[in-house]
């Protein structure tokens, strides 16, 4: 139900923009955002926004990443600037949605590789 795009290879200091759109029987969205997958499998919040609320950022990305969520269009984008090699990872779109029931869904992930 979440389709991501925009990953790729970039040099350190470069920029990438990730996009995600919710499709299918999604009536509304309560929260949308992006997570990063750590080597051990843990998912770490990068940025997210609750509908009608403020945008939250992980401490390491403040001032460099910008989240843009459109709850009406059911899309969320992540502009990543000044990327660092240690931020290479699979980035996952995440949404708390209302369909026939309320459920948290994840995208398949998009790979971001930052070369030094």
PDB file of N, CA and C in Angstrom:
ATOM      1  N   UNK A   1       0.804  -1.206   0.000  1.00  0.00           N
ATOM      2  CA  UNK A   1       0.000   0.000   0.000  1.00  0.00           C
ATOM      3  C   UNK A   1       0.845   1.268   0.000  1.00  0.00           C
ATOM      4  N   UNK A   2       2.130   1.148   0.292  1.00  0.00           N
ATOM      5  CA  UNK A   2       3.037   2.287   0.234  1.00  0.00           C
ATOM      6  C   UNK A   2       4.068   2.019  -0.856  1.00  0.00           C
ATOM      7  N   UNK A   3       4.163   2.943  -1.800  1.00  0.00           N
ATOM      8  CA  UNK A   3       5.092   2.797  -2.913  1.00  0.00           C
ATOM      9  C   UNK A   3       6.135   3.896  -2.812  1.00  0.00           C
ATOM     10  N   UNK A   4       7.394   3.487  -2.724  1.00  0.00           N
ATOM     11  CA  UNK A   4       8.493   4.427  -2.537  1.00  0.00           C
ATOM     12  C   UNK A   4       9.287   4.582  -3.825  1.00  0.00           C
ATOM     13  N   UNK A   5       9.969   5.714  -3.922  1.00  0.00           N
ATOM     14  CA  UNK A   5      10.879   5.951  -5.028  1.00  0.00           C
ATOM     15  C   UNK A   5      11.903   6.980  -4.600  1.00  0.00           C
ATOM     16  N   UNK A   6      13.002   7.047  -5.367  1.00  0.00           N
ATOM     17  CA  UNK A   6      13.956   8.122  -5.157  1.00  0.00           C
ATOM     18  C   UNK A   6      15.278   7.738  -4.550  1.00  0.00           C
ATOM     19  N   UNK A   7      15.474   6.499  -4.155  1.00  0.00           N
ATOM     20  CA  UNK A   7      16.771   6.116  -3.625  1.00  0.00           C
ATOM     21  C   UNK A   7      17.817   6.071  -4.717  1.00  0.00           C
ATOM     22  N   UNK A   8      19.056   5.844  -4.298  1.00  0.00           N
ATOM     23  CA  UNK A   8      20.124   5.752  -5.281  1.00  0.00           C
ATOM     24  C   UNK A   8      21.482   5.979  -4.660  1.00  0.00           C
ATOM     25  N   UNK A   9      22.449   6.236  -5.532  1.00  0.00           N
ATOM     26  CA  UNK A   9      23.836   6.447  -5.114  1.00  0.00           C
ATOM     27  C   UNK A   9      24.178   7.922  -5.218  1.00  0.00           C
ATOM     28  N   UNK A  10      24.800   8.440  -4.171  1.00  0.00           N
ATOM     29  CA  UNK A  10      25.183   9.845  -4.153  1.00  0.00           C
ATOM     30  C   UNK A  10      26.497   9.982  -3.397  1.00  0.00           C
ATOM     31  N   UNK A  11      27.265  10.977  -3.740  1.00  0.00           N
ATOM     32  CA  UNK A  11      28.511  11.224  -3.014  1.00  0.00           C
ATOM     33  C   UNK A  11      28.217  11.941  -1.694  1.00  0.00           C
ATOM     34  N   UNK A  12      29.124  11.781  -0.753  1.00  0.00           N
ATOM     35  CA  UNK A  12      28.989  12.481   0.517  1.00  0.00           C
ATOM     36  C   UNK A  12      28.835  13.981   0.262  1.00  0.00           C
ATOM     37  N   UNK A  13      27.896  14.579   0.985  1.00  0.00           N
ATOM     38  CA  UNK A  13      27.603  15.990   0.780  1.00  0.00           C
ATOM     39  C   UNK A  13      26.517  16.247  -0.239  1.00  0.00           C
ATOM     40  N   UNK A  14      26.124  15.213  -0.943  1.00  0.00           N
ATOM     41  CA  UNK A  14      25.099  15.355  -1.970  1.00  0.00           C
ATOM     42  C   UNK A  14      23.694  15.270  -1.414  1.00  0.00           C
ATOM     43  N   UNK A  15      22.719  15.265  -2.314  1.00  0.00           N
ATOM     44  CA  UNK A  15      21.312  15.290  -1.928  1.00  0.00           C
ATOM     45  C   UNK A  15      20.521  14.226  -2.672  1.00  0.00           C
ATOM     46  N   UNK A  16      19.481  13.764  -2.024  1.00  0.00           N
ATOM     47  CA  UNK A  16      18.509  12.868  -2.632  1.00  0.00           C
ATOM     48  C   UNK A  16      17.132  13.232  -2.105  1.00  0.00           C
ATOM     49  N   UNK A  17      16.123  12.908  -2.901  1.00  0.00           N
ATOM     50  CA  UNK A  17      14.738  13.126  -2.473  1.00  0.00           C
ATOM     51  C   UNK A  17      13.989  11.822  -2.578  1.00  0.00           C
ATOM     52  N   UNK A  18      13.416  11.382  -1.481  1.00  0.00           N
ATOM     53  CA  UNK A  18      12.618  10.166  -1.447  1.00  0.00           C
ATOM     54  C   UNK A  18      11.143  10.544  -1.485  1.00  0.00           C
ATOM     55  N   UNK A  19      10.375   9.723  -2.191  1.00  0.00           N
ATOM     56  CA  UNK A  19       8.936   9.963  -2.268  1.00  0.00           C
ATOM     57  C   UNK A  19       8.173   8.697  -1.935  1.00  0.00           C
ATOM     58  N   UNK A  20       6.990   8.869  -1.406  1.00  0.00           N
ATOM     59  CA  UNK A  20       6.152   7.731  -1.023  1.00  0.00           C
ATOM     60  C   UNK A  20       4.691   8.116  -1.222  1.00  0.00           C
ATOM     61  N   UNK A  21       3.926   7.210  -1.797  1.00  0.00           N
ATOM     62  CA  UNK A  21       2.502   7.442  -1.980  1.00  0.00           C
ATOM     63  C   UNK A  21       1.729   6.245  -1.456  1.00  0.00           C
ATOM     64  N   UNK A  22       0.654   6.520  -0.758  1.00  0.00           N
ATOM     65  CA  UNK A  22      -0.219   5.464  -0.248  1.00  0.00           C
ATOM     66  C   UNK A  22      -1.284   5.161  -1.280  1.00  0.00           C
ATOM     67  N   UNK A  23      -1.447   3.895  -1.592  1.00  0.00           N
ATOM     68  CA  UNK A  23      -2.432   3.501  -2.589  1.00  0.00           C
ATOM     69  C   UNK A  23      -3.355   2.426  -2.006  1.00  0.00           C
ATOM     70  N   UNK A  24      -4.396   2.116  -2.757  1.00  0.00           N
ATOM     71  CA  UNK A  24      -5.342   1.117  -2.289  1.00  0.00           C
ATOM     72  C   UNK A  24      -6.445   1.755  -1.461  1.00  0.00           C
ATOM     73  N   UNK A  25      -7.052   0.946  -0.637  1.00  0.00           N
ATOM     74  CA  UNK A  25      -8.207   1.383   0.135  1.00  0.00           C
ATOM     75  C   UNK A  25      -7.768   2.100   1.412  1.00  0.00           C
ATOM     76  N   UNK A  26      -7.152   3.259   1.221  1.00  0.00           N
ATOM     77  CA  UNK A  26      -6.729   4.074   2.360  1.00  0.00           C
ATOM     78  C   UNK A  26      -7.663   5.270   2.444  1.00  0.00           C
ATOM     79  N   UNK A  27      -8.465   5.333   3.475  1.00  0.00           N
ATOM     80  CA  UNK A  27      -9.448   6.407   3.585  1.00  0.00           C
ATOM     81  C   UNK A  27      -8.818   7.679   4.128  1.00  0.00           C
ATOM     82  N   UNK A  28      -7.904   7.533   5.060  1.00  0.00           N
ATOM     83  CA  UNK A  28      -7.222   8.695   5.627  1.00  0.00           C
ATOM     84  C   UNK A  28      -5.960   8.206   6.326  1.00  0.00           C
ATOM     85  N   UNK A  29      -5.105   9.149   6.631  1.00  0.00           N
ATOM     86  CA  UNK A  29      -3.816   8.824   7.239  1.00  0.00           C
ATOM     87  C   UNK A  29      -3.653   9.606   8.523  1.00  0.00           C
ATOM     88  N   UNK A  30      -3.214   8.926   9.560  1.00  0.00           N
ATOM     89  CA  UNK A  30      -3.027   9.565  10.854  1.00  0.00           C
ATOM     90  C   UNK A  30      -1.601  10.076  11.051  1.00  0.00           C
ATOM     91  N   UNK A  31      -0.647   9.358  10.491  1.00  0.00           N
ATOM     92  CA  UNK A  31       0.758   9.719  10.628  1.00  0.00           C
ATOM     93  C   UNK A  31       1.530   9.168   9.438  1.00  0.00           C
ATOM     94  N   UNK A  32       2.523   9.913   8.964  1.00  0.00           N
ATOM     95  CA  UNK A  32       3.369   9.459   7.869  1.00  0.00           C
ATOM     96  C   UNK A  32       4.807   9.846   8.155  1.00  0.00           C
ATOM     97  N   UNK A  33       5.723   9.039   7.651  1.00  0.00           N
ATOM     98  CA  UNK A  33       7.111   9.393   7.855  1.00  0.00           C
ATOM     99  C   UNK A  33       8.068   8.405   7.235  1.00  0.00           C
ATOM    100  N   UNK A  34       9.328   8.558   7.578  1.00  0.00           N
ATOM    101  CA  UNK A  34      10.407   7.734   7.046  1.00  0.00           C
ATOM    102  C   UNK A  34      11.252   7.187   8.188  1.00  0.00           C
ATOM    103  N   UNK A  35      11.666   5.942   8.021  1.00  0.00           N
ATOM    104  CA  UNK A  35      12.544   5.267   8.968  1.00  0.00           C
ATOM    105  C   UNK A  35      13.758   4.755   8.216  1.00  0.00           C
ATOM    106  N   UNK A  36      14.818   4.504   8.966  1.00  0.00           N
ATOM    107  CA  UNK A  36      16.031   3.924   8.402  1.00  0.00           C
ATOM    108  C   UNK A  36      16.263   2.570   9.058  1.00  0.00           C
ATOM    109  N   UNK A  37      16.673   1.608   8.234  1.00  0.00           N
ATOM    110  CA  UNK A  37      16.885   0.252   8.724  1.00  0.00           C
ATOM    111  C   UNK A  37      18.339   0.084   9.138  1.00  0.00           C
ATOM    112  N   UNK A  38      18.567  -0.277  10.403  1.00  0.00           N
ATOM    113  CA  UNK A  38      19.921  -0.498  10.899  1.00  0.00           C
ATOM    114  C   UNK A  38      20.356  -1.931  10.603  1.00  0.00           C
ATOM    115  N   UNK A  39      21.679  -2.211  10.616  1.00  0.00           N
ATOM    116  CA  UNK A  39      22.176  -3.560  10.284  1.00  0.00           C
ATOM    117  C   UNK A  39      21.547  -4.678  11.107  1.00  0.00           C
ATOM    118  N   UNK A  40      21.217  -4.419  12.345  1.00  0.00           N
ATOM    119  CA  UNK A  40      20.633  -5.450  13.186  1.00  0.00           C
ATOM    120  C   UNK A  40      19.141  -5.638  12.989  1.00  0.00           C
ATOM    121  N   UNK A  41      18.543  -4.823  12.096  1.00  0.00           N
ATOM    122  CA  UNK A  41      17.121  -4.952  11.829  1.00  0.00           C
ATOM    123  C   UNK A  41      16.251  -3.915  12.517  1.00  0.00           C
ATOM    124  N   UNK A  42      16.844  -3.135  13.394  1.00  0.00           N
ATOM    125  CA  UNK A  42      16.069  -2.097  14.077  1.00  0.00           C
ATOM    126  C   UNK A  42      15.717  -0.988  13.102  1.00  0.00           C
ATOM    127  N   UNK A  43      14.535  -0.445  13.274  1.00  0.00           N
ATOM    128  CA  UNK A  43      14.080   0.672  12.445  1.00  0.00           C
ATOM    129  C   UNK A  43      14.128   1.943  13.273  1.00  0.00           C
ATOM    130  N   UNK A  44      14.836   2.927  12.760  1.00  0.00           N
ATOM    131  CA  UNK A  44      15.032   4.178  13.480  1.00  0.00           C
ATOM    132  C   UNK A  44      14.292   5.291  12.752  1.00  0.00           C
ATOM    133  N   UNK A  45      13.541   6.063  13.507  1.00  0.00           N
ATOM    134  CA  UNK A  45      12.780   7.164  12.920  1.00  0.00           C
ATOM    135  C   UNK A  45      13.721   8.228  12.381  1.00  0.00           C
ATOM    136  N   UNK A  46      13.487   8.625  11.139  1.00  0.00           N
ATOM    137  CA  UNK A  46      14.245   9.713  10.530  1.00  0.00           C
ATOM    138  C   UNK A  46      13.436  11.002  10.621  1.00  0.00           C
ATOM    139  N   UNK A  47      12.178  10.925  10.177  1.00  0.00           N
ATOM    140  CA  UNK A  47      11.282  12.077  10.260  1.00  0.00           C
ATOM    141  C   UNK A  47       9.853  11.577  10.128  1.00  0.00           C
ATOM    142  N   UNK A  48       8.939  12.221  10.828  1.00  0.00           N
ATOM    143  CA  UNK A  48       7.539  11.850  10.719  1.00  0.00           C
ATOM    144  C   UNK A  48       6.650  12.991  11.164  1.00  0.00           C
ATOM    145  N   UNK A  49       5.388  12.911  10.763  1.00  0.00           N
ATOM    146  CA  UNK A  49       4.436  13.945  11.127  1.00  0.00           C
ATOM    147  C   UNK A  49       3.090  13.314  11.409  1.00  0.00           C
ATOM    148  N   UNK A  50       2.506  13.682  12.517  1.00  0.00           N
ATOM    149  CA  UNK A  50       1.131  13.322  12.836  1.00  0.00           C
ATOM    150  C   UNK A  50       0.215  14.334  12.150  1.00  0.00           C
ATOM    151  N   UNK A  51      -0.876  13.863  11.609  1.00  0.00           N
ATOM    152  CA  UNK A  51      -1.822  14.737  10.937  1.00  0.00           C
ATOM    153  C   UNK A  51      -2.222  15.886  11.836  1.00  0.00           C
ATOM    154  N   UNK A  52      -1.971  17.096  11.358  1.00  0.00           N
ATOM    155  CA  UNK A  52      -2.302  18.277  12.146  1.00  0.00           C
ATOM    156  C   UNK A  52      -1.256  18.658  13.172  1.00  0.00           C
ATOM    157  N   UNK A  53      -0.166  17.906  13.233  1.00  0.00           N
ATOM    158  CA  UNK A  53       0.859  18.160  14.228  1.00  0.00           C
ATOM    159  C   UNK A  53       2.168  18.623  13.637  1.00  0.00           C
ATOM    160  N   UNK A  54       3.145  18.791  14.491  1.00  0.00           N
ATOM    161  CA  UNK A  54       4.459  19.239  14.062  1.00  0.00           C
ATOM    162  C   UNK A  54       5.258  18.084  13.458  1.00  0.00           C
ATOM    163  N   UNK A  55       6.257  18.432  12.702  1.00  0.00           N
ATOM    164  CA  UNK A  55       7.157  17.435  12.129  1.00  0.00           C
ATOM    165  C   UNK A  55       8.239  17.113  13.154  1.00  0.00           C
ATOM    166  N   UNK A  56       8.501  15.827  13.325  1.00  0.00           N
ATOM    167  CA  UNK A  56       9.547  15.376  14.232  1.00  0.00           C
ATOM    168  C   UNK A  56      10.717  14.847  13.413  1.00  0.00           C
ATOM    169  N   UNK A  57      11.926  15.191  13.808  1.00  0.00           N
ATOM    170  CA  UNK A  57      13.131  14.722  13.138  1.00  0.00           C
ATOM    171  C   UNK A  57      14.031  13.995  14.121  1.00  0.00           C
ATOM    172  N   UNK A  58      14.741  12.991  13.604  1.00  0.00           N
ATOM    173  CA  UNK A  58      15.797  12.399  14.395  1.00  0.00           C
ATOM    174  C   UNK A  58      16.892  13.430  14.626  1.00  0.00           C
ATOM    175  N   UNK A  59      17.556  13.352  15.749  1.00  0.00           N
ATOM    176  CA  UNK A  59      18.538  14.379  16.108  1.00  0.00           C
ATOM    177  C   UNK A  59      19.636  14.524  15.065  1.00  0.00           C
ATOM    178  N   UNK A  60      20.051  13.431  14.471  1.00  0.00           N
ATOM    179  CA  UNK A  60      21.193  13.480  13.564  1.00  0.00           C
ATOM    180  C   UNK A  60      20.865  14.139  12.225  1.00  0.00           C
ATOM    181  N   UNK A  61      19.589  14.314  11.899  1.00  0.00           N
ATOM    182  CA  UNK A  61      19.237  14.842  10.578  1.00  0.00           C
ATOM    183  C   UNK A  61      18.662  16.252  10.637  1.00  0.00           C
ATOM    184  N   UNK A  62      18.469  16.777  11.828  1.00  0.00           N
ATOM    185  CA  UNK A  62      17.896  18.118  11.958  1.00  0.00           C
ATOM    186  C   UNK A  62      18.752  19.139  11.219  1.00  0.00           C
ATOM    187  N   UNK A  63      18.089  19.976  10.451  1.00  0.00           N
ATOM    188  CA  UNK A  63      18.775  20.999   9.691  1.00  0.00           C
ATOM    189  C   UNK A  63      19.256  20.550   8.324  1.00  0.00           C
ATOM    190  N   UNK A  64      19.224  19.241   8.067  1.00  0.00           N
ATOM    191  CA  UNK A  64      19.676  18.731   6.765  1.00  0.00           C
ATOM    192  C   UNK A  64      18.560  18.044   5.990  1.00  0.00           C
ATOM    193  N   UNK A  65      17.648  17.415   6.692  1.00  0.00           N
ATOM    194  CA  UNK A  65      16.541  16.704   6.052  1.00  0.00           C
ATOM    195  C   UNK A  65      15.253  17.499   6.241  1.00  0.00           C
ATOM    196  N   UNK A  66      14.383  17.421   5.247  1.00  0.00           N
ATOM    197  CA  UNK A  66      13.089  18.099   5.317  1.00  0.00           C
ATOM    198  C   UNK A  66      11.981  17.146   4.900  1.00  0.00           C
ATOM    199  N   UNK A  67      10.999  16.985   5.757  1.00  0.00           N
ATOM    200  CA  UNK A  67       9.842  16.134   5.472  1.00  0.00           C
ATOM    201  C   UNK A  67       8.706  16.986   4.938  1.00  0.00           C
ATOM    202  N   UNK A  68       8.063  16.479   3.897  1.00  0.00           N
ATOM    203  CA  UNK A  68       6.888  17.161   3.343  1.00  0.00           C
ATOM    204  C   UNK A  68       5.764  16.137   3.213  1.00  0.00           C
ATOM    205  N   UNK A  69       4.775  16.254   4.054  1.00  0.00           N
ATOM    206  CA  UNK A  69       3.654  15.315   4.040  1.00  0.00           C
ATOM    207  C   UNK A  69       2.399  16.021   3.562  1.00  0.00           C
ATOM    208  N   UNK A  70       1.698  15.390   2.653  1.00  0.00           N
ATOM    209  CA  UNK A  70       0.407  15.899   2.176  1.00  0.00           C
ATOM    210  C   UNK A  70      -0.622  14.831   2.518  1.00  0.00           C
ATOM    211  N   UNK A  71      -1.348  15.058   3.599  1.00  0.00           N
ATOM    212  CA  UNK A  71      -2.278  14.044   4.082  1.00  0.00           C
ATOM    213  C   UNK A  71      -3.495  13.922   3.159  1.00  0.00           C
ATOM    214  N   UNK A  72      -3.815  14.980   2.453  1.00  0.00           N
ATOM    215  CA  UNK A  72      -4.919  14.913   1.501  1.00  0.00           C
ATOM    216  C   UNK A  72      -4.579  14.079   0.288  1.00  0.00           C
ATOM    217  N   UNK A  73      -3.370  14.241  -0.213  1.00  0.00           N
ATOM    218  CA  UNK A  73      -2.919  13.485  -1.385  1.00  0.00           C
ATOM    219  C   UNK A  73      -2.286  12.152  -0.992  1.00  0.00           C
ATOM    220  N   UNK A  74      -2.100  11.935   0.318  1.00  0.00           N
ATOM    221  CA  UNK A  74      -1.544  10.688   0.836  1.00  0.00           C
ATOM    222  C   UNK A  74      -0.126  10.458   0.315  1.00  0.00           C
ATOM    223  N   UNK A  75       0.663  11.495   0.352  1.00  0.00           N
ATOM    224  CA  UNK A  75       2.046  11.400  -0.079  1.00  0.00           C
ATOM    225  C   UNK A  75       2.962  11.977   0.996  1.00  0.00           C
ATOM    226  N   UNK A  76       4.183  11.492   1.008  1.00  0.00           N
ATOM    227  CA  UNK A  76       5.190  12.043   1.901  1.00  0.00           C
ATOM    228  C   UNK A  76       6.531  11.977   1.198  1.00  0.00           C
ATOM    229  N   UNK A  77       7.285  13.056   1.301  1.00  0.00           N
ATOM    230  CA  UNK A  77       8.595  13.131   0.675  1.00  0.00           C
ATOM    231  C   UNK A  77       9.632  13.497   1.722  1.00  0.00           C
ATOM    232  N   UNK A  78      10.849  13.061   1.462  1.00  0.00           N
ATOM    233  CA  UNK A  78      11.961  13.371   2.361  1.00  0.00           C
ATOM    234  C   UNK A  78      13.098  13.938   1.523  1.00  0.00           C
ATOM    235  N   UNK A  79      13.384  15.200   1.691  1.00  0.00           N
ATOM    236  CA  UNK A  79      14.525  15.836   1.036  1.00  0.00           C
ATOM    237  C   UNK A  79      15.726  15.691   1.950  1.00  0.00           C
ATOM    238  N   UNK A  80      16.763  15.039   1.446  1.00  0.00           N
ATOM    239  CA  UNK A  80      17.953  14.779   2.251  1.00  0.00           C
ATOM    240  C   UNK A  80      19.130  15.523   1.646  1.00  0.00           C
ATOM    241  N   UNK A  81      19.680  16.447   2.406  1.00  0.00           N
ATOM    242  CA  UNK A  81      20.818  17.251   1.968  1.00  0.00           C
ATOM    243  C   UNK A  81      22.043  16.950   2.801  1.00  0.00           C
ATOM    244  N   UNK A  82      23.203  17.208   2.225  1.00  0.00           N
ATOM    245  CA  UNK A  82      24.468  17.017   2.928  1.00  0.00           C
ATOM    246  C   UNK A  82      24.546  15.606   3.521  1.00  0.00           C
ATOM    247  N   UNK A  83      24.302  14.638   2.694  1.00  0.00           N
ATOM    248  CA  UNK A  83      24.281  13.249   3.148  1.00  0.00           C
ATOM    249  C   UNK A  83      25.657  12.764   3.567  1.00  0.00           C
ATOM    250  N   UNK A  84      25.667  11.858   4.538  1.00  0.00           N
ATOM    251  CA  UNK A  84      26.898  11.314   5.088  1.00  0.00           C
ATOM    252  C   UNK A  84      26.984   9.819   4.766  1.00  0.00           C
ATOM    253  N   UNK A  85      28.189   9.279   4.622  1.00  0.00           N
ATOM    254  CA  UNK A  85      28.324   7.851   4.305  1.00  0.00           C
ATOM    255  C   UNK A  85      27.624   6.939   5.318  1.00  0.00           C
ATOM    256  N   UNK A  86      27.644   7.319   6.572  1.00  0.00           N
ATOM    257  CA  UNK A  86      27.022   6.477   7.606  1.00  0.00           C
ATOM    258  C   UNK A  86      25.494   6.461   7.507  1.00  0.00           C
ATOM    259  N   UNK A  87      24.941   7.292   6.648  1.00  0.00           N
ATOM    260  CA  UNK A  87      23.498   7.307   6.440  1.00  0.00           C
ATOM    261  C   UNK A  87      23.065   6.388   5.289  1.00  0.00           C
ATOM    262  N   UNK A  88      24.017   5.675   4.751  1.00  0.00           N
ATOM    263  CA  UNK A  88      23.678   4.655   3.759  1.00  0.00           C
ATOM    264  C   UNK A  88      22.824   3.589   4.438  1.00  0.00           C
ATOM    265  N   UNK A  89      21.689   3.288   3.817  1.00  0.00           N
ATOM    266  CA  UNK A  89      20.771   2.333   4.432  1.00  0.00           C
ATOM    267  C   UNK A  89      19.573   2.126   3.518  1.00  0.00           C
ATOM    268  N   UNK A  90      18.722   1.219   3.928  1.00  0.00           N
ATOM    269  CA  UNK A  90      17.400   1.115   3.326  1.00  0.00           C
ATOM    270  C   UNK A  90      16.478   2.042   4.100  1.00  0.00           C
ATOM    271  N   UNK A  91      15.787   2.893   3.367  1.00  0.00           N
ATOM    272  CA  UNK A  91      14.844   3.832   3.970  1.00  0.00           C
ATOM    273  C   UNK A  91      13.429   3.328   3.716  1.00  0.00           C
ATOM    274  N   UNK A  92      12.649   3.317   4.772  1.00  0.00           N
ATOM    275  CA  UNK A  92      11.304   2.753   4.716  1.00  0.00           C
ATOM    276  C   UNK A  92      10.252   3.828   4.959  1.00  0.00           C
ATOM    277  N   UNK A  93       9.281   3.874   4.096  1.00  0.00           N
ATOM    278  CA  UNK A  93       8.125   4.740   4.311  1.00  0.00           C
ATOM    279  C   UNK A  93       7.182   4.058   5.292  1.00  0.00           C
ATOM    280  N   UNK A  94       6.606   4.840   6.163  1.00  0.00           N
ATOM    281  CA  UNK A  94       5.738   4.310   7.214  1.00  0.00           C
ATOM    282  C   UNK A  94       4.487   5.173   7.324  1.00  0.00           C
ATOM    283  N   UNK A  95       3.356   4.533   7.516  1.00  0.00           N
ATOM    284  CA  UNK A  95       2.118   5.298   7.670  1.00  0.00           C
ATOM    285  C   UNK A  95       1.145   4.570   8.585  1.00  0.00           C
ATOM    286  N   UNK A  96       0.455   5.346   9.369  1.00  0.00           N
ATOM    287  CA  UNK A  96      -0.625   4.863  10.239  1.00  0.00           C
ATOM    288  C   UNK A  96      -1.914   5.246   9.517  1.00  0.00           C
ATOM    289  N   UNK A  97      -2.603   4.252   8.939  1.00  0.00           N
ATOM    290  CA  UNK A  97      -3.696   4.558   8.022  1.00  0.00           C
ATOM    291  C   UNK A  97      -5.016   4.006   8.529  1.00  0.00           C
ATOM    292  N   UNK A  98      -6.080   4.592   8.012  1.00  0.00           N
ATOM    293  CA  UNK A  98      -7.438   4.112   8.264  1.00  0.00           C
ATOM    294  C   UNK A  98      -7.987   3.551   6.959  1.00  0.00           C
ATOM    295  N   UNK A  99      -8.273   2.252   6.952  1.00  0.00           N
ATOM    296  CA  UNK A  99      -8.953   1.644   5.812  1.00  0.00           C
ATOM    297  C   UNK A  99     -10.220   0.992   6.380  1.00  0.00           C
ATOM    298  N   UNK A 100     -10.364  -0.279   6.220  1.00  0.00           N
ATOM    299  CA  UNK A 100     -11.479  -0.962   6.903  1.00  0.00           C
ATOM    300  C   UNK A 100     -11.217  -0.999   8.409  1.00  0.00           C
ATOM    301  N   UNK A 101      -9.972  -0.839   8.760  1.00  0.00           N
ATOM    302  CA  UNK A 101      -9.545  -0.782  10.151  1.00  0.00           C
ATOM    303  C   UNK A 101      -8.286   0.075  10.184  1.00  0.00           C
ATOM    304  N   UNK A 102      -7.851   0.387  11.375  1.00  0.00           N
ATOM    305  CA  UNK A 102      -6.647   1.200  11.525  1.00  0.00           C
ATOM    306  C   UNK A 102      -5.440   0.265  11.568  1.00  0.00           C
ATOM    307  N   UNK A 103      -4.414   0.584  10.783  1.00  0.00           N
ATOM    308  CA  UNK A 103      -3.252  -0.290  10.712  1.00  0.00           C
ATOM    309  C   UNK A 103      -2.016   0.523  10.360  1.00  0.00           C
ATOM    310  N   UNK A 104      -0.869   0.071  10.838  1.00  0.00           N
ATOM    311  CA  UNK A 104       0.407   0.672  10.483  1.00  0.00           C
ATOM    312  C   UNK A 104       1.001  -0.130   9.330  1.00  0.00           C
ATOM    313  N   UNK A 105       1.363   0.558   8.268  1.00  0.00           N
ATOM    314  CA  UNK A 105       1.898  -0.112   7.085  1.00  0.00           C
ATOM    315  C   UNK A 105       3.290   0.409   6.766  1.00  0.00           C
ATOM    316  N   UNK A 106       4.051  -0.452   6.086  1.00  0.00           N
ATOM    317  CA  UNK A 106       5.421  -0.126   5.712  1.00  0.00           C
ATOM    318  C   UNK A 106       5.603  -0.338   4.207  1.00  0.00           C
ATOM    319  N   UNK A 107       6.439   0.508   3.620  1.00  0.00           N
ATOM    320  CA  UNK A 107       6.831   0.281   2.247  1.00  0.00           C
ATOM    321  C   UNK A 107       7.896  -0.796   2.182  1.00  0.00           C
ATOM    322  N   UNK A 108       8.268  -1.166   0.964  1.00  0.00           N
ATOM    323  CA  UNK A 108       9.289  -2.204   0.780  1.00  0.00           C
ATOM    324  C   UNK A 108      10.682  -1.671   1.048  1.00  0.00           C
ATOM    325  N   UNK A 109      10.850  -0.368   0.992  1.00  0.00           N
ATOM    326  CA  UNK A 109      12.143   0.227   1.249  1.00  0.00           C
ATOM    327  C   UNK A 109      12.844   0.648  -0.027  1.00  0.00           C
ATOM    328  N   UNK A 110      13.604   1.691   0.084  1.00  0.00           N
ATOM    329  CA  UNK A 110      14.417   2.159  -1.041  1.00  0.00           C
ATOM    330  C   UNK A 110      15.843   2.368  -0.543  1.00  0.00           C
ATOM    331  N   UNK A 111      16.802   1.882  -1.323  1.00  0.00           N
ATOM    332  CA  UNK A 111      18.203   1.887  -0.903  1.00  0.00           C
ATOM    333  C   UNK A 111      18.865   3.225  -1.200  1.00  0.00           C
ATOM    334  N   UNK A 112      19.494   3.761  -0.176  1.00  0.00           N
ATOM    335  CA  UNK A 112      20.292   4.978  -0.303  1.00  0.00           C
ATOM    336  C   UNK A 112      21.742   4.622   0.010  1.00  0.00           C
ATOM    337  N   UNK A 113      22.626   4.921  -0.936  1.00  0.00           N
ATOM    338  CA  UNK A 113      24.044   4.650  -0.741  1.00  0.00           C
ATOM    339  C   UNK A 113      24.810   5.955  -0.883  1.00  0.00           C
ATOM    340  N   UNK A 114      25.566   6.296   0.144  1.00  0.00           N
ATOM    341  CA  UNK A 114      26.346   7.527   0.151  1.00  0.00           C
ATOM    342  C   UNK A 114      27.821   7.150   0.133  1.00  0.00           C
ATOM    343  N   UNK A 115      28.500   7.499  -0.939  1.00  0.00           N
ATOM    344  CA  UNK A 115      29.910   7.149  -1.065  1.00  0.00           C
ATOM    345  C   UNK A 115      30.784   8.244  -0.466  1.00  0.00           C
ATOM    346  N   UNK A 116      31.921   7.824   0.061  1.00  0.00           N
ATOM    347  CA  UNK A 116      32.829   8.803   0.685  1.00  0.00           C
ATOM    348  C   UNK A 116      33.843   9.330  -0.307  1.00  0.00           C
TER     349      UNK A 116
END
